[in-house]
């Protein structure tokens, strides 16, 4: 039913108004409020003083911020490609109708439902040099246990491995869904033509899952730039800031040092970084289509 005299489509807009109201209230308004706050010198007690872009200028002179930015970039580089490769490999291996494949899919996905607290408890018992599972096996073979979480060169790769193990389930399911939508007749025709497994993968499977690859890449880039729980609970950003990502830096700046305006400026930089990096996979897809 439409209102007489109202423009066509306004009646449909009424159905979207509740969602739009919640979206504006919970997402758009906080974003605009954060941008405004980043232009002020503000603290937790409510004092505000307009300083323009001084907070942003301070960020690029702040060695701790630069280190946290580098940590976040390295963490994304360590996790996202590995997640894509492992998840796609598992999807290809478990794209079967057998009970064993179904059981293994459940096993891989099970880690994704753990909370970050449970995750860190499990991996602390594995990685700690005193009494951890890896240290126990190291002593059995006569080797000195490695302090993975206390070594500046090993702590970030260790957190990346933990995160990949935790996050592997959802990308695998997305790749499985893409694989199961590929027409079986194409694979049957390739088998009749005696195509090699590599040719089948390169010419049939990879194009079929490419939209899922782009989706997973964009989603995981945005997600891994926001890593917080693992370093906060396992290392507190140490040693010497080697595992402090941007979100932990923002948390410490805002709630430990009470510099809310400065933390808001760092948050806007993180938002811009996530936005740009998340658009790169989609831009690559448009470029490939344009050349085709």
C-alpha atoms as a PDB file:
ATOM      1  CA  UNK A   1       0.000   0.000   0.000  1.00  0.00           C
ATOM      2  CA  UNK A   2       1.342   3.428  -0.924  1.00  0.00           C
ATOM      3  CA  UNK A   3       0.316   6.893   0.190  1.00  0.00           C
ATOM      4  CA  UNK A   4      -1.562   8.863  -2.483  1.00  0.00           C
ATOM      5  CA  UNK A   5       0.607  11.615  -3.902  1.00  0.00           C
ATOM      6  CA  UNK A   6       3.813  10.308  -2.323  1.00  0.00           C
ATOM      7  CA  UNK A   7       6.817   9.657  -4.588  1.00  0.00           C
ATOM      8  CA  UNK A   8       7.161   6.083  -5.760  1.00  0.00           C
ATOM      9  CA  UNK A   9       9.390   4.065  -3.414  1.00  0.00           C
ATOM     10  CA  UNK A  10       8.812   6.111  -0.258  1.00  0.00           C
ATOM     11  CA  UNK A  11       6.534   3.399   1.080  1.00  0.00           C
ATOM     12  CA  UNK A  12       9.376   0.871   0.822  1.00  0.00           C
ATOM     13  CA  UNK A  13      11.709   3.271   2.615  1.00  0.00           C
ATOM     14  CA  UNK A  14       9.532   3.067   5.724  1.00  0.00           C
ATOM     15  CA  UNK A  15      10.497  -0.595   6.127  1.00  0.00           C
ATOM     16  CA  UNK A  16      14.190   0.357   6.189  1.00  0.00           C
ATOM     17  CA  UNK A  17      13.816   3.255   8.636  1.00  0.00           C
ATOM     18  CA  UNK A  18      14.288   1.164  11.836  1.00  0.00           C
ATOM     19  CA  UNK A  19      17.534  -0.292  10.482  1.00  0.00           C
ATOM     20  CA  UNK A  20      18.741   3.098   9.223  1.00  0.00           C
ATOM     21  CA  UNK A  21      18.014   4.683  12.597  1.00  0.00           C
ATOM     22  CA  UNK A  22      20.000   2.025  14.486  1.00  0.00           C
ATOM     23  CA  UNK A  23      22.802   2.185  11.887  1.00  0.00           C
ATOM     24  CA  UNK A  24      23.111   5.955  12.204  1.00  0.00           C
ATOM     25  CA  UNK A  25      22.974   5.783  15.990  1.00  0.00           C
ATOM     26  CA  UNK A  26      25.470   2.945  16.531  1.00  0.00           C
ATOM     27  CA  UNK A  27      27.902   3.464  13.619  1.00  0.00           C
ATOM     28  CA  UNK A  28      27.687   6.801  11.848  1.00  0.00           C
ATOM     29  CA  UNK A  29      27.245   8.990  14.930  1.00  0.00           C
ATOM     30  CA  UNK A  30      30.172   7.379  16.857  1.00  0.00           C
ATOM     31  CA  UNK A  31      32.364   7.764  13.767  1.00  0.00           C
ATOM     32  CA  UNK A  32      31.566  11.477  13.443  1.00  0.00           C
ATOM     33  CA  UNK A  33      31.906  11.965  17.202  1.00  0.00           C
ATOM     34  CA  UNK A  34      35.314  10.248  17.095  1.00  0.00           C
ATOM     35  CA  UNK A  35      36.485  12.509  14.258  1.00  0.00           C
ATOM     36  CA  UNK A  36      35.387  15.560  16.251  1.00  0.00           C
ATOM     37  CA  UNK A  37      37.069  14.279  19.433  1.00  0.00           C
ATOM     38  CA  UNK A  38      40.337  13.695  17.566  1.00  0.00           C
ATOM     39  CA  UNK A  39      40.577  17.460  16.988  1.00  0.00           C
ATOM     40  CA  UNK A  40      40.559  18.200  20.723  1.00  0.00           C
ATOM     41  CA  UNK A  41      42.899  17.758  23.645  1.00  0.00           C
ATOM     42  CA  UNK A  42      40.569  15.806  25.906  1.00  0.00           C
ATOM     43  CA  UNK A  43      40.764  13.509  28.905  1.00  0.00           C
ATOM     44  CA  UNK A  44      38.493  11.106  30.784  1.00  0.00           C
ATOM     45  CA  UNK A  45      37.333  13.865  33.115  1.00  0.00           C
ATOM     46  CA  UNK A  46      35.664  15.842  30.326  1.00  0.00           C
ATOM     47  CA  UNK A  47      38.106  18.678  29.751  1.00  0.00           C
ATOM     48  CA  UNK A  48      38.295  19.641  26.062  1.00  0.00           C
ATOM     49  CA  UNK A  49      40.408  22.148  24.172  1.00  0.00           C
ATOM     50  CA  UNK A  50      40.337  22.500  20.387  1.00  0.00           C
ATOM     51  CA  UNK A  51      43.793  21.945  18.865  1.00  0.00           C
ATOM     52  CA  UNK A  52      42.974  21.116  15.225  1.00  0.00           C
ATOM     53  CA  UNK A  53      45.219  18.505  13.640  1.00  0.00           C
ATOM     54  CA  UNK A  54      47.891  18.600  16.338  1.00  0.00           C
ATOM     55  CA  UNK A  55      46.976  15.097  17.555  1.00  0.00           C
ATOM     56  CA  UNK A  56      47.561  13.708  14.064  1.00  0.00           C
ATOM     57  CA  UNK A  57      50.895  15.495  13.806  1.00  0.00           C
ATOM     58  CA  UNK A  58      51.920  14.020  17.163  1.00  0.00           C
ATOM     59  CA  UNK A  59      51.169  10.511  15.941  1.00  0.00           C
ATOM     60  CA  UNK A  60      53.868  10.638  13.271  1.00  0.00           C
ATOM     61  CA  UNK A  61      56.399  11.835  15.851  1.00  0.00           C
ATOM     62  CA  UNK A  62      55.403   9.129  18.329  1.00  0.00           C
ATOM     63  CA  UNK A  63      57.808   6.190  18.114  1.00  0.00           C
ATOM     64  CA  UNK A  64      55.434   3.991  20.103  1.00  0.00           C
ATOM     65  CA  UNK A  65      52.652   4.632  17.574  1.00  0.00           C
ATOM     66  CA  UNK A  66      54.986   3.951  14.643  1.00  0.00           C
ATOM     67  CA  UNK A  67      56.085   0.688  16.281  1.00  0.00           C
ATOM     68  CA  UNK A  68      52.449  -0.332  16.892  1.00  0.00           C
ATOM     69  CA  UNK A  69      51.588   0.523  13.283  1.00  0.00           C
ATOM     70  CA  UNK A  70      54.468  -1.634  12.045  1.00  0.00           C
ATOM     71  CA  UNK A  71      53.386  -4.470  14.342  1.00  0.00           C
ATOM     72  CA  UNK A  72      49.831  -4.352  12.992  1.00  0.00           C
ATOM     73  CA  UNK A  73      50.999  -4.327   9.373  1.00  0.00           C
ATOM     74  CA  UNK A  74      53.368  -7.239   9.978  1.00  0.00           C
ATOM     75  CA  UNK A  75      50.671  -9.161  11.820  1.00  0.00           C
ATOM     76  CA  UNK A  76      48.281  -8.805   8.861  1.00  0.00           C
ATOM     77  CA  UNK A  77      51.017  -9.913   6.454  1.00  0.00           C
ATOM     78  CA  UNK A  78      51.726 -12.970   8.630  1.00  0.00           C
ATOM     79  CA  UNK A  79      48.115 -14.031   9.134  1.00  0.00           C
ATOM     80  CA  UNK A  80      45.976 -13.177   6.098  1.00  0.00           C
ATOM     81  CA  UNK A  81      47.927 -14.986   3.309  1.00  0.00           C
ATOM     82  CA  UNK A  82      48.412 -18.019   5.563  1.00  0.00           C
ATOM     83  CA  UNK A  83      44.708 -18.084   6.428  1.00  0.00           C
ATOM     84  CA  UNK A  84      43.732 -17.962   2.753  1.00  0.00           C
ATOM     85  CA  UNK A  85      46.155 -20.709   1.693  1.00  0.00           C
ATOM     86  CA  UNK A  86      45.398 -23.070   4.594  1.00  0.00           C
ATOM     87  CA  UNK A  87      41.638 -22.522   4.461  1.00  0.00           C
ATOM     88  CA  UNK A  88      41.529 -23.100   0.706  1.00  0.00           C
ATOM     89  CA  UNK A  89      43.707 -26.208   1.027  1.00  0.00           C
ATOM     90  CA  UNK A  90      41.470 -27.622   3.752  1.00  0.00           C
ATOM     91  CA  UNK A  91      38.348 -26.814   1.734  1.00  0.00           C
ATOM     92  CA  UNK A  92      39.754 -28.657  -1.281  1.00  0.00           C
ATOM     93  CA  UNK A  93      40.720 -31.649   0.876  1.00  0.00           C
ATOM     94  CA  UNK A  94      37.409 -31.795   2.762  1.00  0.00           C
ATOM     95  CA  UNK A  95      35.074 -31.091  -0.154  1.00  0.00           C
ATOM     96  CA  UNK A  96      33.762 -34.642   0.048  1.00  0.00           C
ATOM     97  CA  UNK A  97      30.471 -36.227   1.020  1.00  0.00           C
ATOM     98  CA  UNK A  98      32.019 -38.757   3.402  1.00  0.00           C
ATOM     99  CA  UNK A  99      31.465 -38.936   7.142  1.00  0.00           C
ATOM    100  CA  UNK A 100      35.161 -38.482   7.807  1.00  0.00           C
ATOM    101  CA  UNK A 101      35.227 -35.228   5.795  1.00  0.00           C
ATOM    102  CA  UNK A 102      32.192 -33.980   7.696  1.00  0.00           C
ATOM    103  CA  UNK A 103      33.841 -34.859  11.006  1.00  0.00           C
ATOM    104  CA  UNK A 104      37.060 -33.072  10.057  1.00  0.00           C
ATOM    105  CA  UNK A 105      35.140 -29.970   8.973  1.00  0.00           C
ATOM    106  CA  UNK A 106      33.550 -29.891  12.426  1.00  0.00           C
ATOM    107  CA  UNK A 107      36.944 -30.327  14.102  1.00  0.00           C
ATOM    108  CA  UNK A 108      38.512 -27.453  12.140  1.00  0.00           C
ATOM    109  CA  UNK A 109      35.555 -25.163  12.746  1.00  0.00           C
ATOM    110  CA  UNK A 110      35.384 -25.991  16.467  1.00  0.00           C
ATOM    111  CA  UNK A 111      38.309 -23.697  17.317  1.00  0.00           C
ATOM    112  CA  UNK A 112      36.425 -20.702  15.906  1.00  0.00           C
ATOM    113  CA  UNK A 113      33.741 -20.866  18.600  1.00  0.00           C
ATOM    114  CA  UNK A 114      36.241 -20.510  21.458  1.00  0.00           C
ATOM    115  CA  UNK A 115      36.393 -17.200  23.285  1.00  0.00           C
ATOM    116  CA  UNK A 116      39.661 -15.295  23.227  1.00  0.00           C
ATOM    117  CA  UNK A 117      40.087 -15.984  26.948  1.00  0.00           C
ATOM    118  CA  UNK A 118      39.886 -19.753  26.478  1.00  0.00           C
ATOM    119  CA  UNK A 119      42.165 -19.456  23.446  1.00  0.00           C
ATOM    120  CA  UNK A 120      44.887 -17.690  25.413  1.00  0.00           C
ATOM    121  CA  UNK A 121      44.652 -20.167  28.311  1.00  0.00           C
ATOM    122  CA  UNK A 122      45.153 -23.078  25.909  1.00  0.00           C
ATOM    123  CA  UNK A 123      48.109 -21.545  24.105  1.00  0.00           C
ATOM    124  CA  UNK A 124      49.745 -20.264  27.267  1.00  0.00           C
ATOM    125  CA  UNK A 125      49.930 -23.874  28.444  1.00  0.00           C
ATOM    126  CA  UNK A 126      51.536 -24.790  25.121  1.00  0.00           C
ATOM    127  CA  UNK A 127      54.058 -21.953  24.742  1.00  0.00           C
ATOM    128  CA  UNK A 128      55.291 -21.037  28.228  1.00  0.00           C
ATOM    129  CA  UNK A 129      58.946 -22.091  28.691  1.00  0.00           C
ATOM    130  CA  UNK A 130      58.364 -23.408  32.222  1.00  0.00           C
ATOM    131  CA  UNK A 131      56.080 -26.427  32.091  1.00  0.00           C
ATOM    132  CA  UNK A 132      54.530 -25.768  28.679  1.00  0.00           C
ATOM    133  CA  UNK A 133      53.793 -28.570  26.235  1.00  0.00           C
ATOM    134  CA  UNK A 134      56.470 -27.522  23.730  1.00  0.00           C
ATOM    135  CA  UNK A 135      59.055 -27.008  26.480  1.00  0.00           C
ATOM    136  CA  UNK A 136      58.277 -30.491  27.825  1.00  0.00           C
ATOM    137  CA  UNK A 137      58.995 -32.107  24.454  1.00  0.00           C
ATOM    138  CA  UNK A 138      62.096 -29.920  24.020  1.00  0.00           C
ATOM    139  CA  UNK A 139      63.537 -31.257  27.262  1.00  0.00           C
ATOM    140  CA  UNK A 140      62.712 -34.825  26.243  1.00  0.00           C
ATOM    141  CA  UNK A 141      64.952 -34.490  23.189  1.00  0.00           C
ATOM    142  CA  UNK A 142      67.631 -32.608  25.094  1.00  0.00           C
ATOM    143  CA  UNK A 143      66.932 -29.119  23.744  1.00  0.00           C
ATOM    144  CA  UNK A 144      66.618 -25.843  25.635  1.00  0.00           C
ATOM    145  CA  UNK A 145      62.982 -24.620  25.718  1.00  0.00           C
ATOM    146  CA  UNK A 146      62.290 -21.558  23.598  1.00  0.00           C
ATOM    147  CA  UNK A 147      60.547 -18.585  25.220  1.00  0.00           C
ATOM    148  CA  UNK A 148      58.249 -17.830  22.295  1.00  0.00           C
ATOM    149  CA  UNK A 149      56.305 -15.060  24.060  1.00  0.00           C
ATOM    150  CA  UNK A 150      59.394 -13.385  25.528  1.00  0.00           C
ATOM    151  CA  UNK A 151      61.508 -13.194  22.383  1.00  0.00           C
ATOM    152  CA  UNK A 152      60.968  -9.949  20.383  1.00  0.00           C
ATOM    153  CA  UNK A 153      61.609 -11.826  17.115  1.00  0.00           C
ATOM    154  CA  UNK A 154      59.277 -14.733  17.879  1.00  0.00           C
ATOM    155  CA  UNK A 155      56.397 -13.165  19.779  1.00  0.00           C
ATOM    156  CA  UNK A 156      54.523 -11.717  16.789  1.00  0.00           C
ATOM    157  CA  UNK A 157      54.879 -14.881  14.627  1.00  0.00           C
ATOM    158  CA  UNK A 158      53.678 -16.880  17.652  1.00  0.00           C
ATOM    159  CA  UNK A 159      50.594 -14.672  17.998  1.00  0.00           C
ATOM    160  CA  UNK A 160      50.017 -15.011  14.247  1.00  0.00           C
ATOM    161  CA  UNK A 161      50.054 -18.828  14.483  1.00  0.00           C
ATOM    162  CA  UNK A 162      47.626 -18.712  17.403  1.00  0.00           C
ATOM    163  CA  UNK A 163      45.299 -16.418  15.467  1.00  0.00           C
ATOM    164  CA  UNK A 164      45.427 -18.537  12.297  1.00  0.00           C
ATOM    165  CA  UNK A 165      44.538 -21.647  14.323  1.00  0.00           C
ATOM    166  CA  UNK A 166      41.637 -19.759  15.927  1.00  0.00           C
ATOM    167  CA  UNK A 167      40.316 -18.101  12.761  1.00  0.00           C
ATOM    168  CA  UNK A 168      40.639 -20.910  10.218  1.00  0.00           C
ATOM    169  CA  UNK A 169      37.092 -22.233  10.448  1.00  0.00           C
ATOM    170  CA  UNK A 170      35.102 -19.415   8.817  1.00  0.00           C
ATOM    171  CA  UNK A 171      37.331 -18.976   5.717  1.00  0.00           C
ATOM    172  CA  UNK A 172      37.262 -22.745   5.198  1.00  0.00           C
ATOM    173  CA  UNK A 173      33.446 -22.750   5.282  1.00  0.00           C
ATOM    174  CA  UNK A 174      33.300 -19.861   2.812  1.00  0.00           C
ATOM    175  CA  UNK A 175      35.643 -21.672   0.419  1.00  0.00           C
ATOM    176  CA  UNK A 176      33.653 -24.895   0.793  1.00  0.00           C
ATOM    177  CA  UNK A 177      30.491 -23.024  -0.104  1.00  0.00           C
ATOM    178  CA  UNK A 178      32.150 -21.579  -3.211  1.00  0.00           C
ATOM    179  CA  UNK A 179      33.500 -24.982  -4.255  1.00  0.00           C
ATOM    180  CA  UNK A 180      30.115 -26.650  -3.888  1.00  0.00           C
ATOM    181  CA  UNK A 181      28.498 -24.045  -6.125  1.00  0.00           C
ATOM    182  CA  UNK A 182      30.856 -24.828  -9.018  1.00  0.00           C
ATOM    183  CA  UNK A 183      29.063 -26.881 -11.727  1.00  0.00           C
ATOM    184  CA  UNK A 184      30.091 -30.538 -11.637  1.00  0.00           C
ATOM    185  CA  UNK A 185      29.630 -30.853 -15.408  1.00  0.00           C
ATOM    186  CA  UNK A 186      32.718 -28.679 -15.963  1.00  0.00           C
ATOM    187  CA  UNK A 187      34.858 -31.001 -13.846  1.00  0.00           C
ATOM    188  CA  UNK A 188      33.445 -34.029 -15.656  1.00  0.00           C
ATOM    189  CA  UNK A 189      34.302 -32.474 -19.020  1.00  0.00           C
ATOM    190  CA  UNK A 190      37.841 -31.727 -17.807  1.00  0.00           C
ATOM    191  CA  UNK A 191      38.229 -35.339 -16.663  1.00  0.00           C
ATOM    192  CA  UNK A 192      37.116 -36.593 -20.087  1.00  0.00           C
ATOM    193  CA  UNK A 193      39.723 -34.321 -21.677  1.00  0.00           C
ATOM    194  CA  UNK A 194      42.352 -35.808 -19.326  1.00  0.00           C
ATOM    195  CA  UNK A 195      43.232 -32.434 -17.836  1.00  0.00           C
ATOM    196  CA  UNK A 196      45.913 -32.472 -15.149  1.00  0.00           C
ATOM    197  CA  UNK A 197      44.976 -31.640 -11.526  1.00  0.00           C
ATOM    198  CA  UNK A 198      46.984 -28.399 -11.751  1.00  0.00           C
ATOM    199  CA  UNK A 199      45.142 -27.361 -14.938  1.00  0.00           C
ATOM    200  CA  UNK A 200      41.790 -28.132 -13.320  1.00  0.00           C
ATOM    201  CA  UNK A 201      42.709 -26.071 -10.279  1.00  0.00           C
ATOM    202  CA  UNK A 202      44.075 -23.147 -12.277  1.00  0.00           C
ATOM    203  CA  UNK A 203      41.377 -22.977 -14.954  1.00  0.00           C
ATOM    204  CA  UNK A 204      38.251 -24.168 -13.102  1.00  0.00           C
ATOM    205  CA  UNK A 205      38.616 -24.223  -9.314  1.00  0.00           C
ATOM    206  CA  UNK A 206      40.505 -20.967  -8.795  1.00  0.00           C
ATOM    207  CA  UNK A 207      38.138 -18.819 -10.938  1.00  0.00           C
ATOM    208  CA  UNK A 208      35.189 -20.419  -9.130  1.00  0.00           C
ATOM    209  CA  UNK A 209      36.511 -19.516  -5.678  1.00  0.00           C
ATOM    210  CA  UNK A 210      38.055 -16.146  -6.591  1.00  0.00           C
ATOM    211  CA  UNK A 211      35.060 -14.111  -5.286  1.00  0.00           C
ATOM    212  CA  UNK A 212      35.372 -15.998  -1.999  1.00  0.00           C
ATOM    213  CA  UNK A 213      39.130 -15.343  -1.930  1.00  0.00           C
ATOM    214  CA  UNK A 214      38.520 -11.603  -2.344  1.00  0.00           C
ATOM    215  CA  UNK A 215      35.834 -11.670   0.354  1.00  0.00           C
ATOM    216  CA  UNK A 216      38.062 -13.566   2.798  1.00  0.00           C
ATOM    217  CA  UNK A 217      41.046 -11.300   2.078  1.00  0.00           C
ATOM    218  CA  UNK A 218      39.054  -8.112   2.702  1.00  0.00           C
ATOM    219  CA  UNK A 219      37.317  -9.513   5.784  1.00  0.00           C
ATOM    220  CA  UNK A 220      40.462 -10.931   7.364  1.00  0.00           C
ATOM    221  CA  UNK A 221      42.486  -7.760   6.689  1.00  0.00           C
ATOM    222  CA  UNK A 222      39.856  -5.703   8.512  1.00  0.00           C
ATOM    223  CA  UNK A 223      39.629  -8.271  11.307  1.00  0.00           C
ATOM    224  CA  UNK A 224      43.343  -8.795  11.909  1.00  0.00           C
ATOM    225  CA  UNK A 225      44.078  -5.064  12.001  1.00  0.00           C
ATOM    226  CA  UNK A 226      41.765  -5.027  15.035  1.00  0.00           C
ATOM    227  CA  UNK A 227      43.618  -7.746  16.951  1.00  0.00           C
ATOM    228  CA  UNK A 228      43.516  -6.985  20.655  1.00  0.00           C
ATOM    229  CA  UNK A 229      42.658  -9.896  22.941  1.00  0.00           C
ATOM    230  CA  UNK A 230      45.574 -12.192  22.123  1.00  0.00           C
ATOM    231  CA  UNK A 231      48.416  -9.691  22.744  1.00  0.00           C
ATOM    232  CA  UNK A 232      46.591  -8.056  25.639  1.00  0.00           C
ATOM    233  CA  UNK A 233      46.071 -11.323  27.506  1.00  0.00           C
ATOM    234  CA  UNK A 234      49.244 -13.179  26.504  1.00  0.00           C
ATOM    235  CA  UNK A 235      51.974 -10.542  26.345  1.00  0.00           C
ATOM    236  CA  UNK A 236      50.516  -7.140  27.379  1.00  0.00           C
ATOM    237  CA  UNK A 237      52.240  -5.790  24.263  1.00  0.00           C
ATOM    238  CA  UNK A 238      55.708  -6.947  25.298  1.00  0.00           C
ATOM    239  CA  UNK A 239      58.521  -7.536  25.255  1.00  0.00           C
ATOM    240  CA  UNK A 240      59.475  -3.882  24.724  1.00  0.00           C
ATOM    241  CA  UNK A 241      56.369  -3.250  22.616  1.00  0.00           C
ATOM    242  CA  UNK A 242      57.244  -5.969  20.091  1.00  0.00           C
ATOM    243  CA  UNK A 243      53.686  -7.353  20.161  1.00  0.00           C
ATOM    244  CA  UNK A 244      51.726  -4.153  20.772  1.00  0.00           C
ATOM    245  CA  UNK A 245      49.230  -3.650  17.887  1.00  0.00           C
ATOM    246  CA  UNK A 246      47.342  -0.442  17.138  1.00  0.00           C
ATOM    247  CA  UNK A 247      44.191  -1.357  19.053  1.00  0.00           C
ATOM    248  CA  UNK A 248      46.178  -2.128  22.210  1.00  0.00           C
ATOM    249  CA  UNK A 249      48.055   1.166  21.736  1.00  0.00           C
ATOM    250  CA  UNK A 250      44.731   3.020  21.466  1.00  0.00           C
ATOM    251  CA  UNK A 251      43.420   1.264  24.577  1.00  0.00           C
ATOM    252  CA  UNK A 252      46.513   2.120  26.610  1.00  0.00           C
ATOM    253  CA  UNK A 253      46.534   5.732  25.402  1.00  0.00           C
ATOM    254  CA  UNK A 254      42.878   6.310  26.191  1.00  0.00           C
ATOM    255  CA  UNK A 255      42.363   4.360  29.394  1.00  0.00           C
ATOM    256  CA  UNK A 256      45.825   4.166  30.948  1.00  0.00           C
ATOM    257  CA  UNK A 257      47.092   7.639  30.043  1.00  0.00           C
ATOM    258  CA  UNK A 258      43.618   9.264  29.889  1.00  0.00           C
ATOM    259  CA  UNK A 259      44.482  11.048  26.620  1.00  0.00           C
ATOM    260  CA  UNK A 260      41.128  10.497  24.905  1.00  0.00           C
ATOM    261  CA  UNK A 261      41.618  13.008  22.095  1.00  0.00           C
ATOM    262  CA  UNK A 262      44.964  11.513  21.117  1.00  0.00           C
ATOM    263  CA  UNK A 263      43.501   7.994  21.259  1.00  0.00           C
ATOM    264  CA  UNK A 264      40.637   9.141  19.023  1.00  0.00           C
ATOM    265  CA  UNK A 265      43.136  10.433  16.447  1.00  0.00           C
ATOM    266  CA  UNK A 266      44.905   7.059  16.477  1.00  0.00           C
ATOM    267  CA  UNK A 267      41.519   5.367  16.046  1.00  0.00           C
ATOM    268  CA  UNK A 268      40.776   7.448  12.951  1.00  0.00           C
ATOM    269  CA  UNK A 269      44.144   6.493  11.490  1.00  0.00           C
ATOM    270  CA  UNK A 270      43.309   2.833  12.109  1.00  0.00           C
ATOM    271  CA  UNK A 271      39.895   3.274  10.478  1.00  0.00           C
ATOM    272  CA  UNK A 272      41.457   4.874   7.386  1.00  0.00           C
ATOM    273  CA  UNK A 273      44.065   2.106   7.185  1.00  0.00           C
ATOM    274  CA  UNK A 274      41.430  -0.646   7.417  1.00  0.00           C
ATOM    275  CA  UNK A 275      39.281   1.088   4.808  1.00  0.00           C
ATOM    276  CA  UNK A 276      42.130   1.375   2.313  1.00  0.00           C
ATOM    277  CA  UNK A 277      43.489  -2.154   2.845  1.00  0.00           C
ATOM    278  CA  UNK A 278      40.010  -3.723   2.669  1.00  0.00           C
ATOM    279  CA  UNK A 279      39.373  -2.039  -0.680  1.00  0.00           C
ATOM    280  CA  UNK A 280      42.603  -3.325  -2.247  1.00  0.00           C
ATOM    281  CA  UNK A 281      41.291  -6.878  -2.996  1.00  0.00           C
ATOM    282  CA  UNK A 282      38.122  -5.470  -4.575  1.00  0.00           C
ATOM    283  CA  UNK A 283      40.152  -2.966  -6.609  1.00  0.00           C
ATOM    284  CA  UNK A 284      42.310  -5.818  -7.868  1.00  0.00           C
ATOM    285  CA  UNK A 285      39.195  -7.687  -8.946  1.00  0.00           C
ATOM    286  CA  UNK A 286      37.898  -4.654 -10.874  1.00  0.00           C
ATOM    287  CA  UNK A 287      41.295  -4.277 -12.536  1.00  0.00           C
ATOM    288  CA  UNK A 288      41.336  -7.920 -13.632  1.00  0.00           C
ATOM    289  CA  UNK A 289      37.804  -7.601 -15.009  1.00  0.00           C
ATOM    290  CA  UNK A 290      38.729  -4.432 -16.865  1.00  0.00           C
ATOM    291  CA  UNK A 291      41.674  -6.106 -18.573  1.00  0.00           C
ATOM    292  CA  UNK A 292      39.534  -9.115 -19.438  1.00  0.00           C
END
